[in-house]
Protein backbone atom coordinates (compact mmCIF):
# COMPACT_ATOMS: atom_id res chain seq x y z
CA MET A 1 9.48 17.60 -9.53
CA LYS A 2 10.07 20.71 -7.45
CA LEU A 3 11.33 20.08 -3.92
CA ASP A 4 8.75 21.06 -1.30
CA ILE A 5 10.29 21.55 2.15
CA SER A 6 6.83 21.61 3.76
CA CYS A 7 6.14 18.15 2.31
CA ILE A 8 9.43 16.91 3.76
CA ARG A 9 8.45 18.28 7.17
CA ALA A 10 5.03 16.59 6.92
CA ILE A 11 6.65 13.24 6.01
CA LEU A 12 9.04 13.47 8.95
CA PHE A 13 6.19 14.27 11.34
CA THR A 14 4.26 11.29 9.96
CA VAL A 15 7.15 8.91 10.50
CA GLU A 16 7.80 10.30 13.98
CA LYS A 17 4.16 9.79 14.97
CA TYR A 18 3.67 6.28 13.55
CA GLU A 19 7.08 4.60 13.70
CA THR A 20 7.57 2.14 16.54
CA LEU A 21 10.57 0.13 17.65
CA TYR A 22 9.24 -2.84 15.68
CA ASP A 23 7.27 -1.25 12.85
CA PRO A 24 8.56 1.25 10.31
CA VAL A 25 6.17 3.52 8.41
CA SER A 26 5.27 2.33 4.91
CA PHE A 27 4.93 4.58 1.91
CA ASP A 28 3.77 3.19 -1.43
CA ASP A 29 1.03 3.69 -4.02
CA THR A 30 -1.62 3.20 -1.34
CA LYS A 31 -3.12 6.20 0.47
CA TYR A 32 -2.81 5.07 4.08
CA ASP A 33 -5.13 6.41 6.77
CA TYR A 34 -2.20 8.04 8.54
CA TYR A 35 -1.59 10.24 5.50
CA SER A 36 -4.56 12.34 6.61
CA ASP A 37 -2.70 13.66 9.68
CA TYR A 38 0.02 15.65 7.92
CA LEU A 39 0.01 14.64 4.24
CA SER A 40 -3.56 15.24 3.10
CA GLU A 41 -2.63 18.12 0.78
CA TYR A 42 -0.09 16.05 -1.17
CA ASP A 43 -0.73 13.45 -3.85
CA THR A 44 0.90 10.02 -3.74
CA GLU A 45 3.50 10.87 -6.38
CA GLN A 46 4.63 13.94 -4.40
CA ILE A 47 4.80 11.92 -1.19
CA LEU A 48 6.86 9.11 -2.74
CA TYR A 49 9.22 11.54 -4.47
CA HIS A 50 9.86 13.39 -1.21
CA VAL A 51 10.19 10.17 0.82
CA GLN A 52 12.86 9.03 -1.63
CA TYR A 53 14.57 12.42 -1.27
CA CYS A 54 14.46 12.12 2.55
CA ILE A 55 16.14 8.72 2.31
CA LYS A 56 18.89 10.07 0.04
CA ALA A 57 19.36 13.09 2.36
CA ASN A 58 19.73 10.77 5.39
CA LEU A 59 16.63 12.13 7.12
CA LEU A 60 14.99 8.69 6.85
CA SER A 61 16.24 5.16 6.37
CA ASP A 62 14.50 2.60 4.19
CA VAL A 63 14.61 -0.57 6.28
CA SER A 64 12.82 -2.79 3.77
CA GLY A 65 14.88 -5.86 3.03
CA THR A 66 13.21 -6.80 -0.25
CA LYS A 67 11.72 -4.86 -3.12
CA ALA A 68 9.26 -6.16 -5.70
CA TRP A 69 10.17 -5.21 -9.25
CA GLY A 70 7.93 -2.47 -10.58
CA HIS A 71 6.55 -1.61 -7.14
CA THR A 72 7.63 1.46 -5.20
CA GLN A 73 7.56 0.93 -1.46
CA PHE A 74 9.58 2.49 1.31
CA ASP A 75 9.49 1.25 4.90
CA CYS A 76 10.94 4.17 6.81
CA CYS A 77 12.45 5.02 10.15
CA LEU A 78 13.75 8.39 11.29
CA GLU A 79 17.48 9.00 11.20
CA PRO A 80 19.28 11.45 13.53
CA LEU A 81 19.21 14.22 10.90
CA GLY A 82 15.45 13.74 10.57
CA HIS A 83 15.00 14.08 14.34
CA GLU A 84 17.15 17.21 14.27
CA PHE A 85 15.09 18.78 11.47
CA ILE A 86 11.87 18.02 13.36
CA ALA A 87 13.26 19.44 16.60
CA ASN A 88 14.17 22.71 14.88
CA THR A 89 10.84 23.06 13.05
CA ARG A 90 8.43 21.47 15.52
CA THR A 91 6.61 24.57 16.71
CA GLU A 92 4.58 26.67 14.32
CA GLU A 93 6.47 29.74 15.57
CA ASN A 94 9.83 28.25 14.56
CA TRP A 95 8.45 26.98 11.25
CA LYS A 96 6.82 30.33 10.41
CA TYR A 97 10.09 32.22 10.97
CA THR A 98 12.09 29.60 9.07
CA GLN A 99 9.72 29.76 6.08
CA SER A 100 9.77 33.54 6.15
CA LEU A 101 13.57 33.61 5.98
CA PHE A 102 13.97 31.03 3.24
CA ASN A 103 11.21 32.71 1.21
CA LYS A 104 13.06 36.04 1.50
CA ILE A 105 16.13 34.52 -0.09
CA GLY A 106 14.02 33.00 -2.86
CA GLY A 107 14.08 29.39 -1.75
CA ALA A 108 16.90 27.30 -0.42
CA SER A 109 18.35 23.83 -0.34
CA LEU A 110 17.45 21.47 2.48
CA LYS A 111 20.88 22.07 4.01
CA VAL A 112 20.30 25.84 4.07
CA VAL A 113 16.73 25.46 5.39
CA SER A 114 18.05 23.18 8.16
CA ALA A 115 20.68 25.79 9.06
CA ILE A 116 18.05 28.55 9.08
CA ALA A 117 15.76 26.43 11.29
CA GLU A 118 18.63 25.78 13.70
CA GLY A 119 19.43 29.51 13.77
CA VAL A 120 15.78 30.38 14.41
CA THR A 121 15.61 27.85 17.26
CA THR A 122 18.83 29.18 18.79
CA SER A 123 17.64 32.78 18.44
CA LEU A 124 14.29 32.03 20.08
CA ALA A 125 16.04 30.13 22.89
CA ASN A 126 18.33 33.12 23.47
CA LYS A 127 15.28 35.40 23.53
CA TYR A 128 13.50 33.41 26.26
CA LEU A 129 16.52 32.11 28.17
CA PRO A 130 17.35 35.21 30.29
CA GLU A 131 13.74 35.50 31.44
CA GLU A 132 13.54 31.81 32.37
CA ILE A 133 16.91 31.81 34.13
CA SER A 134 15.90 34.81 36.23
CA LYS A 135 13.01 32.74 37.64
CA PHE A 136 15.43 30.33 39.32
CA LYS A 137 16.55 31.28 42.80
CA PRO A 138 19.53 29.47 44.30
């Protein structure tokens, strides 16, 4: 299956929104109601594939203690790298610029996309920072 960075972003936003201190977010063969927030355009197979990828990439952790044979289920919590990816792609402005750059280079790995997103965030902060600093009067 082809890696879809937008699907990864949607999964991370879903976990961020629904994870609590005591309850991870479950992903399995069931279409949960919370899929409609960010994941409505993806089928279950795509979601599960990308959740598994996020776990292997240390964006999410699978906190499920037991697994039933023949049943795919992930109970996920965000990891620090997942929070970092979300922070750098949270706004549509940042995400639009990030997508534009990785599309220009013909696609990219998650590591490269994360670096681009961080660069976009830094660049936008540098753009607005002088104006905001000038508003402060000692």
